[in-house]
């Protein structure tokens, strides 16, 4: 604050004290109060003694200082609010990322477990040798074999693929490509990796098809999802 503004505040204060003291002294008849007021008045220059222009400067300086102080306080408060909001947003983002990562890891673990269970179930299921060899097989018989070899939770997906590939005809042949059997293996002879009777035994074809789906896609249902998207597998 400038000398003028300080002096202005002192003058205003002294004037107020002098005025109040004089009134009270007169009303009470107390000479001591009048003396105090006179002493105060004599020790300071009255506001009236300052030129009018300087009075305006004193008042303007005071208001400017008050406005500056309020602006600084507002800036500090706004900065604190912004920092707090930034910290809160960062914390919320970190929590969201952590949750997403945990959900993704949980989903991946679940899918891996399901695939492992499907493979294990396939291993425990009946094998080719569990079915008697016949000269021919009906669709119902072939589907019954498949139900005993394919895990229950995977059978519908397995069945969907066979429906589209051969309609459960284990002797189906594609006239254009030569693809053969329930799964339209190309060439059909690749099913010999499971059994030499791949052309006449649907159980051999079922085992080969199940192994193919598990090895290539993870499970019959994963193979069916691929088939739906591409119309081949």
C-alpha atoms as a PDB file:
ATOM      1  CA  UNK A   1       0.000   0.000   0.000  1.00  0.00           C
ATOM      2  CA  UNK A   2       1.348   3.490  -0.851  1.00  0.00           C
ATOM      3  CA  UNK A   3       2.053   6.170   1.686  1.00  0.00           C
ATOM      4  CA  UNK A   4      -1.004   8.025   0.525  1.00  0.00           C
ATOM      5  CA  UNK A   5      -3.317   5.036   1.014  1.00  0.00           C
ATOM      6  CA  UNK A   6      -1.870   4.298   4.477  1.00  0.00           C
ATOM      7  CA  UNK A   7      -2.265   7.867   5.472  1.00  0.00           C
ATOM      8  CA  UNK A   8      -5.809   7.804   4.100  1.00  0.00           C
ATOM      9  CA  UNK A   9      -6.796   4.848   6.277  1.00  0.00           C
ATOM     10  CA  UNK A  10      -5.214   6.526   9.323  1.00  0.00           C
ATOM     11  CA  UNK A  11      -7.047   9.759   8.609  1.00  0.00           C
ATOM     12  CA  UNK A  12     -10.357   7.974   8.204  1.00  0.00           C
ATOM     13  CA  UNK A  13      -9.866   6.062  11.446  1.00  0.00           C
ATOM     14  CA  UNK A  14      -8.799   9.161  13.378  1.00  0.00           C
ATOM     15  CA  UNK A  15     -11.701  11.147  12.044  1.00  0.00           C
ATOM     16  CA  UNK A  16     -14.177   8.452  13.092  1.00  0.00           C
ATOM     17  CA  UNK A  17     -12.687   8.224  16.581  1.00  0.00           C
ATOM     18  CA  UNK A  18     -12.658  12.024  16.976  1.00  0.00           C
ATOM     19  CA  UNK A  19     -16.244  12.374  15.879  1.00  0.00           C
ATOM     20  CA  UNK A  20     -17.540   9.631  18.166  1.00  0.00           C
ATOM     21  CA  UNK A  21     -15.458  10.829  21.138  1.00  0.00           C
ATOM     22  CA  UNK A  22     -16.674  14.373  20.798  1.00  0.00           C
ATOM     23  CA  UNK A  23     -20.297  13.368  20.715  1.00  0.00           C
ATOM     24  CA  UNK A  24     -19.972  11.090  23.704  1.00  0.00           C
ATOM     25  CA  UNK A  25     -17.999  13.743  25.661  1.00  0.00           C
ATOM     26  CA  UNK A  26     -20.528  16.386  25.059  1.00  0.00           C
ATOM     27  CA  UNK A  27     -23.401  14.143  26.051  1.00  0.00           C
ATOM     28  CA  UNK A  28     -21.750  12.976  29.280  1.00  0.00           C
ATOM     29  CA  UNK A  29     -20.004  16.170  30.184  1.00  0.00           C
ATOM     30  CA  UNK A  30     -16.742  14.276  30.506  1.00  0.00           C
ATOM     31  CA  UNK A  31     -13.717  16.459  29.867  1.00  0.00           C
ATOM     32  CA  UNK A  32     -11.416  13.434  29.827  1.00  0.00           C
ATOM     33  CA  UNK A  33     -13.157  11.956  26.791  1.00  0.00           C
ATOM     34  CA  UNK A  34     -13.071  15.312  25.087  1.00  0.00           C
ATOM     35  CA  UNK A  35      -9.356  15.540  25.798  1.00  0.00           C
ATOM     36  CA  UNK A  36      -8.760  12.056  24.355  1.00  0.00           C
ATOM     37  CA  UNK A  37     -10.649  12.932  21.236  1.00  0.00           C
ATOM     38  CA  UNK A  38      -8.742  16.173  20.863  1.00  0.00           C
ATOM     39  CA  UNK A  39      -5.455  14.346  21.304  1.00  0.00           C
ATOM     40  CA  UNK A  40      -6.383  11.812  18.667  1.00  0.00           C
ATOM     41  CA  UNK A  41      -7.469  14.495  16.280  1.00  0.00           C
ATOM     42  CA  UNK A  42      -4.308  16.476  16.839  1.00  0.00           C
ATOM     43  CA  UNK A  43      -2.164  13.427  16.122  1.00  0.00           C
ATOM     44  CA  UNK A  44      -3.554  12.803  12.627  1.00  0.00           C
ATOM     45  CA  UNK A  45      -4.321  14.810   9.581  1.00  0.00           C
ATOM     46  CA  UNK A  46      -8.042  14.989   8.851  1.00  0.00           C
ATOM     47  CA  UNK A  47      -9.266  13.467   5.582  1.00  0.00           C
ATOM     48  CA  UNK A  48     -10.602  16.887   4.767  1.00  0.00           C
ATOM     49  CA  UNK A  49      -7.047  18.229   4.786  1.00  0.00           C
ATOM     50  CA  UNK A  50      -6.147  15.976   1.842  1.00  0.00           C
ATOM     51  CA  UNK A  51      -7.009  17.351  -1.610  1.00  0.00           C
ATOM     52  CA  UNK A  52     -10.066  15.784  -3.228  1.00  0.00           C
ATOM     53  CA  UNK A  53      -8.001  14.160  -6.017  1.00  0.00           C
ATOM     54  CA  UNK A  54      -5.766  12.415  -3.540  1.00  0.00           C
ATOM     55  CA  UNK A  55      -8.793  11.193  -1.585  1.00  0.00           C
ATOM     56  CA  UNK A  56      -9.969   9.412  -4.743  1.00  0.00           C
ATOM     57  CA  UNK A  57      -6.507   7.905  -5.201  1.00  0.00           C
ATOM     58  CA  UNK A  58      -6.540   6.592  -1.642  1.00  0.00           C
ATOM     59  CA  UNK A  59      -9.950   4.996  -2.085  1.00  0.00           C
ATOM     60  CA  UNK A  60      -9.052   3.547  -5.518  1.00  0.00           C
ATOM     61  CA  UNK A  61      -5.806   2.052  -4.191  1.00  0.00           C
ATOM     62  CA  UNK A  62      -7.663   0.414  -1.342  1.00  0.00           C
ATOM     63  CA  UNK A  63     -10.287  -1.127  -3.630  1.00  0.00           C
ATOM     64  CA  UNK A  64      -7.601  -2.318  -6.071  1.00  0.00           C
ATOM     65  CA  UNK A  65      -5.689  -4.063  -3.294  1.00  0.00           C
ATOM     66  CA  UNK A  66      -8.845  -5.754  -2.101  1.00  0.00           C
ATOM     67  CA  UNK A  67      -9.675  -6.918  -5.648  1.00  0.00           C
ATOM     68  CA  UNK A  68      -6.120  -8.215  -6.145  1.00  0.00           C
ATOM     69  CA  UNK A  69      -6.267 -10.157  -2.891  1.00  0.00           C
ATOM     70  CA  UNK A  70      -9.613 -11.694  -3.849  1.00  0.00           C
ATOM     71  CA  UNK A  71      -8.330 -12.613  -7.337  1.00  0.00           C
ATOM     72  CA  UNK A  72      -5.255 -14.326  -5.867  1.00  0.00           C
ATOM     73  CA  UNK A  73      -7.406 -16.273  -3.428  1.00  0.00           C
ATOM     74  CA  UNK A  74      -9.731 -17.315  -6.263  1.00  0.00           C
ATOM     75  CA  UNK A  75      -6.786 -18.460  -8.403  1.00  0.00           C
ATOM     76  CA  UNK A  76      -5.383 -20.547  -5.559  1.00  0.00           C
ATOM     77  CA  UNK A  77      -8.779 -22.125  -4.929  1.00  0.00           C
ATOM     78  CA  UNK A  78      -9.317 -22.864  -8.641  1.00  0.00           C
ATOM     79  CA  UNK A  79      -5.854 -24.434  -8.901  1.00  0.00           C
ATOM     80  CA  UNK A  80      -6.543 -26.676  -5.910  1.00  0.00           C
ATOM     81  CA  UNK A  81      -9.908 -27.710  -7.386  1.00  0.00           C
ATOM     82  CA  UNK A  82      -8.295 -28.511 -10.752  1.00  0.00           C
ATOM     83  CA  UNK A  83      -5.538 -30.572  -9.135  1.00  0.00           C
ATOM     84  CA  UNK A  84      -8.067 -32.503  -7.071  1.00  0.00           C
ATOM     85  CA  UNK A  85     -10.232 -33.157 -10.149  1.00  0.00           C
ATOM     86  CA  UNK A  86      -7.176 -34.371 -12.080  1.00  0.00           C
ATOM     87  CA  UNK A  87      -6.170 -36.718  -9.256  1.00  0.00           C
ATOM     88  CA  UNK A  88      -9.703 -38.070  -9.052  1.00  0.00           C
ATOM     89  CA  UNK A  89      -9.916 -38.638 -12.830  1.00  0.00           C
ATOM     90  CA  UNK A  90      -6.542 -40.405 -12.869  1.00  0.00           C
ATOM     91  CA  UNK A  91      -7.609 -42.663 -10.010  1.00  0.00           C
ATOM     92  CA  UNK A  92     -10.887 -43.536 -11.740  1.00  0.00           C
ATOM     93  CA  UNK A  93      -9.052 -44.296 -15.009  1.00  0.00           C
ATOM     94  CA  UNK A  94      -6.587 -46.547 -13.216  1.00  0.00           C
ATOM     95  CA  UNK A  95      -9.406 -48.409 -11.481  1.00  0.00           C
ATOM     96  CA  UNK A  96     -11.269 -48.875 -14.786  1.00  0.00           C
ATOM     97  CA  UNK A  97      -8.142 -50.196 -16.539  1.00  0.00           C
ATOM     98  CA  UNK A  98      -7.433 -52.575 -13.683  1.00  0.00           C
ATOM     99  CA  UNK A  99     -11.000 -53.879 -13.756  1.00  0.00           C
ATOM    100  CA  UNK A 100     -10.891 -54.376 -17.544  1.00  0.00           C
ATOM    101  CA  UNK A 101      -7.582 -56.246 -17.286  1.00  0.00           C
ATOM    102  CA  UNK A 102      -8.943 -58.469 -14.534  1.00  0.00           C
ATOM    103  CA  UNK A 103     -12.086 -59.238 -16.540  1.00  0.00           C
ATOM    104  CA  UNK A 104     -10.029 -60.042 -19.656  1.00  0.00           C
ATOM    105  CA  UNK A 105      -7.737 -62.329 -17.659  1.00  0.00           C
ATOM    106  CA  UNK A 106     -10.716 -64.029 -16.059  1.00  0.00           C
ATOM    107  CA  UNK A 107     -12.366 -64.572 -19.450  1.00  0.00           C
ATOM    108  CA  UNK A 108      -9.167 -65.984 -20.960  1.00  0.00           C
ATOM    109  CA  UNK A 109      -8.702 -68.338 -17.998  1.00  0.00           C
ATOM    110  CA  UNK A 110     -12.304 -69.509 -18.275  1.00  0.00           C
ATOM    111  CA  UNK A 111     -11.988 -70.203 -22.004  1.00  0.00           C
ATOM    112  CA  UNK A 112      -8.719 -72.060 -21.496  1.00  0.00           C
ATOM    113  CA  UNK A 113     -10.330 -74.167 -18.788  1.00  0.00           C
ATOM    114  CA  UNK A 114     -13.297 -75.000 -21.022  1.00  0.00           C
ATOM    115  CA  UNK A 115     -10.999 -76.075 -23.853  1.00  0.00           C
ATOM    116  CA  UNK A 116      -8.953 -78.236 -21.507  1.00  0.00           C
ATOM    117  CA  UNK A 117     -12.102 -79.834 -20.122  1.00  0.00           C
ATOM    118  CA  UNK A 118     -13.386 -80.490 -23.634  1.00  0.00           C
ATOM    119  CA  UNK A 119     -10.170 -82.219 -24.616  1.00  0.00           C
ATOM    120  CA  UNK A 120     -10.105 -84.207 -21.388  1.00  0.00           C
ATOM    121  CA  UNK A 121     -13.725 -85.234 -21.861  1.00  0.00           C
ATOM    122  CA  UNK A 122     -12.967 -86.303 -25.413  1.00  0.00           C
ATOM    123  CA  UNK A 123     -10.159 -88.479 -24.121  1.00  0.00           C
ATOM    124  CA  UNK A 124     -12.440 -90.141 -21.556  1.00  0.00           C
ATOM    125  CA  UNK A 125     -15.218 -90.744 -24.111  1.00  0.00           C
ATOM    126  CA  UNK A 126     -15.747 -94.034 -25.901  1.00  0.00           C
ATOM    127  CA  UNK A 127     -13.315 -94.922 -28.647  1.00  0.00           C
ATOM    128  CA  UNK A 128     -13.687 -96.610 -32.034  1.00  0.00           C
ATOM    129  CA  UNK A 129     -13.138-100.069 -30.606  1.00  0.00           C
ATOM    130  CA  UNK A 130     -16.150 -99.645 -28.305  1.00  0.00           C
ATOM    131  CA  UNK A 131     -18.546 -99.899 -31.266  1.00  0.00           C
ATOM    132  CA  UNK A 132     -19.207-103.085 -33.225  1.00  0.00           C
ATOM    133  CA  UNK A 133     -18.391-102.950 -36.904  1.00  0.00           C
ATOM    134  CA  UNK A 134     -21.388-103.251 -39.246  1.00  0.00           C
ATOM    135  CA  UNK A 135     -21.880-103.380 -42.988  1.00  0.00           C
ATOM    136  CA  UNK A 136     -23.941-100.196 -42.895  1.00  0.00           C
ATOM    137  CA  UNK A 137     -25.150 -97.591 -40.399  1.00  0.00           C
ATOM    138  CA  UNK A 138     -28.279 -95.469 -40.116  1.00  0.00           C
ATOM    139  CA  UNK A 139     -28.183 -91.783 -39.298  1.00  0.00           C
ATOM    140  CA  UNK A 140     -29.613 -92.542 -35.859  1.00  0.00           C
ATOM    141  CA  UNK A 141     -26.811 -95.026 -35.183  1.00  0.00           C
ATOM    142  CA  UNK A 142     -24.133 -92.614 -36.306  1.00  0.00           C
ATOM    143  CA  UNK A 143     -25.564 -89.836 -34.143  1.00  0.00           C
ATOM    144  CA  UNK A 144     -25.704 -92.220 -31.177  1.00  0.00           C
ATOM    145  CA  UNK A 145     -22.001 -92.969 -31.677  1.00  0.00           C
ATOM    146  CA  UNK A 146     -21.205 -89.278 -31.844  1.00  0.00           C
ATOM    147  CA  UNK A 147     -23.095 -88.575 -28.616  1.00  0.00           C
ATOM    148  CA  UNK A 148     -20.931 -91.146 -26.817  1.00  0.00           C
ATOM    149  CA  UNK A 149     -17.691 -89.784 -28.247  1.00  0.00           C
ATOM    150  CA  UNK A 150     -18.311 -86.007 -28.178  1.00  0.00           C
ATOM    151  CA  UNK A 151     -18.638 -84.103 -24.845  1.00  0.00           C
ATOM    152  CA  UNK A 152     -22.272 -83.269 -24.098  1.00  0.00           C
ATOM    153  CA  UNK A 153     -21.656 -79.523 -24.026  1.00  0.00           C
ATOM    154  CA  UNK A 154     -20.018 -79.659 -27.463  1.00  0.00           C
ATOM    155  CA  UNK A 155     -22.328 -82.059 -29.246  1.00  0.00           C
ATOM    156  CA  UNK A 156     -24.767 -79.521 -30.704  1.00  0.00           C
ATOM    157  CA  UNK A 157     -21.932 -77.530 -32.295  1.00  0.00           C
ATOM    158  CA  UNK A 158     -20.404 -80.761 -33.574  1.00  0.00           C
ATOM    159  CA  UNK A 159     -23.780 -81.801 -34.981  1.00  0.00           C
ATOM    160  CA  UNK A 160     -24.289 -78.431 -36.685  1.00  0.00           C
ATOM    161  CA  UNK A 161     -21.070 -78.848 -38.648  1.00  0.00           C
ATOM    162  CA  UNK A 162     -21.913 -82.407 -39.712  1.00  0.00           C
ATOM    163  CA  UNK A 163     -25.405 -81.275 -40.753  1.00  0.00           C
ATOM    164  CA  UNK A 164     -23.925 -78.679 -43.093  1.00  0.00           C
ATOM    165  CA  UNK A 165     -21.037 -80.779 -44.390  1.00  0.00           C
ATOM    166  CA  UNK A 166     -22.688 -84.156 -45.100  1.00  0.00           C
ATOM    167  CA  UNK A 167     -26.129 -84.366 -43.487  1.00  0.00           C
ATOM    168  CA  UNK A 168     -24.730 -87.326 -41.474  1.00  0.00           C
ATOM    169  CA  UNK A 169     -23.926 -89.353 -44.572  1.00  0.00           C
ATOM    170  CA  UNK A 170     -20.628 -91.082 -43.785  1.00  0.00           C
ATOM    171  CA  UNK A 171     -20.196 -92.035 -47.462  1.00  0.00           C
ATOM    172  CA  UNK A 172     -20.902 -88.569 -48.864  1.00  0.00           C
ATOM    173  CA  UNK A 173     -18.592 -87.540 -51.718  1.00  0.00           C
ATOM    174  CA  UNK A 174     -18.217 -84.061 -53.172  1.00  0.00           C
ATOM    175  CA  UNK A 175     -18.280 -84.571 -56.967  1.00  0.00           C
ATOM    176  CA  UNK A 176     -16.170 -81.486 -57.593  1.00  0.00           C
ATOM    177  CA  UNK A 177     -13.420 -81.737 -55.006  1.00  0.00           C
ATOM    178  CA  UNK A 178     -13.594 -85.360 -53.914  1.00  0.00           C
ATOM    179  CA  UNK A 179     -14.034 -84.392 -50.238  1.00  0.00           C
ATOM    180  CA  UNK A 180     -15.307 -87.412 -48.339  1.00  0.00           C
ATOM    181  CA  UNK A 181     -17.327 -88.505 -45.333  1.00  0.00           C
ATOM    182  CA  UNK A 182     -19.157 -86.874 -42.439  1.00  0.00           C
ATOM    183  CA  UNK A 183     -16.737 -83.945 -42.323  1.00  0.00           C
ATOM    184  CA  UNK A 184     -15.923 -83.736 -46.041  1.00  0.00           C
ATOM    185  CA  UNK A 185     -12.231 -84.286 -45.377  1.00  0.00           C
ATOM    186  CA  UNK A 186     -10.052 -83.299 -48.322  1.00  0.00           C
ATOM    187  CA  UNK A 187      -8.538 -85.587 -49.227  1.00  0.00           C
ATOM    188  CA  UNK A 188     -10.576 -88.207 -47.438  1.00  0.00           C
ATOM    189  CA  UNK A 189      -7.499 -90.344 -46.961  1.00  0.00           C
ATOM    190  CA  UNK A 190      -6.211 -88.010 -44.241  1.00  0.00           C
ATOM    191  CA  UNK A 191      -8.695 -89.772 -41.920  1.00  0.00           C
ATOM    192  CA  UNK A 192      -6.509 -92.876 -42.175  1.00  0.00           C
ATOM    193  CA  UNK A 193      -4.422 -91.323 -39.386  1.00  0.00           C
ATOM    194  CA  UNK A 194      -7.152 -92.578 -37.049  1.00  0.00           C
ATOM    195  CA  UNK A 195      -8.050 -95.862 -38.735  1.00  0.00           C
ATOM    196  CA  UNK A 196      -7.648 -97.759 -41.963  1.00  0.00           C
ATOM    197  CA  UNK A 197     -11.419 -98.242 -42.175  1.00  0.00           C
ATOM    198  CA  UNK A 198     -12.092 -94.513 -42.582  1.00  0.00           C
ATOM    199  CA  UNK A 199     -14.219 -95.085 -45.699  1.00  0.00           C
ATOM    200  CA  UNK A 200     -16.685 -97.492 -44.081  1.00  0.00           C
ATOM    201  CA  UNK A 201     -16.645 -96.844 -40.326  1.00  0.00           C
ATOM    202  CA  UNK A 202     -18.424 -93.681 -39.089  1.00  0.00           C
ATOM    203  CA  UNK A 203     -16.822 -94.108 -35.637  1.00  0.00           C
ATOM    204  CA  UNK A 204     -13.405 -93.659 -37.249  1.00  0.00           C
ATOM    205  CA  UNK A 205     -14.621 -90.531 -39.023  1.00  0.00           C
ATOM    206  CA  UNK A 206     -16.162 -89.153 -35.831  1.00  0.00           C
ATOM    207  CA  UNK A 207     -12.935 -89.578 -33.922  1.00  0.00           C
ATOM    208  CA  UNK A 208     -10.959 -87.919 -36.698  1.00  0.00           C
ATOM    209  CA  UNK A 209     -13.427 -85.009 -36.941  1.00  0.00           C
ATOM    210  CA  UNK A 210     -13.404 -84.442 -33.178  1.00  0.00           C
ATOM    211  CA  UNK A 211      -9.606 -84.491 -33.045  1.00  0.00           C
ATOM    212  CA  UNK A 212      -9.448 -82.059 -35.969  1.00  0.00           C
ATOM    213  CA  UNK A 213     -11.821 -79.566 -34.332  1.00  0.00           C
ATOM    214  CA  UNK A 214     -10.022 -79.739 -30.976  1.00  0.00           C
ATOM    215  CA  UNK A 215      -6.547 -79.428 -32.456  1.00  0.00           C
ATOM    216  CA  UNK A 216      -7.303 -76.688 -34.976  1.00  0.00           C
ATOM    217  CA  UNK A 217      -9.901 -74.582 -33.128  1.00  0.00           C
ATOM    218  CA  UNK A 218      -9.875 -75.699 -29.497  1.00  0.00           C
ATOM    219  CA  UNK A 219     -13.318 -77.304 -29.457  1.00  0.00           C
ATOM    220  CA  UNK A 220     -16.281 -78.150 -31.719  1.00  0.00           C
ATOM    221  CA  UNK A 221     -18.065 -74.978 -30.623  1.00  0.00           C
ATOM    222  CA  UNK A 222     -15.043 -72.855 -31.571  1.00  0.00           C
ATOM    223  CA  UNK A 223     -14.984 -74.671 -34.906  1.00  0.00           C
ATOM    224  CA  UNK A 224     -18.689 -73.976 -35.376  1.00  0.00           C
ATOM    225  CA  UNK A 225     -18.171 -70.271 -34.651  1.00  0.00           C
ATOM    226  CA  UNK A 226     -15.500 -70.201 -37.361  1.00  0.00           C
ATOM    227  CA  UNK A 227     -17.754 -72.092 -39.746  1.00  0.00           C
ATOM    228  CA  UNK A 228     -20.593 -69.606 -39.233  1.00  0.00           C
ATOM    229  CA  UNK A 229     -18.279 -66.727 -40.087  1.00  0.00           C
ATOM    230  CA  UNK A 230     -16.596 -68.361 -43.079  1.00  0.00           C
ATOM    231  CA  UNK A 231     -18.854 -71.254 -44.199  1.00  0.00           C
ATOM    232  CA  UNK A 232     -15.908 -73.627 -44.025  1.00  0.00           C
ATOM    233  CA  UNK A 233     -13.648 -74.849 -41.257  1.00  0.00           C
END
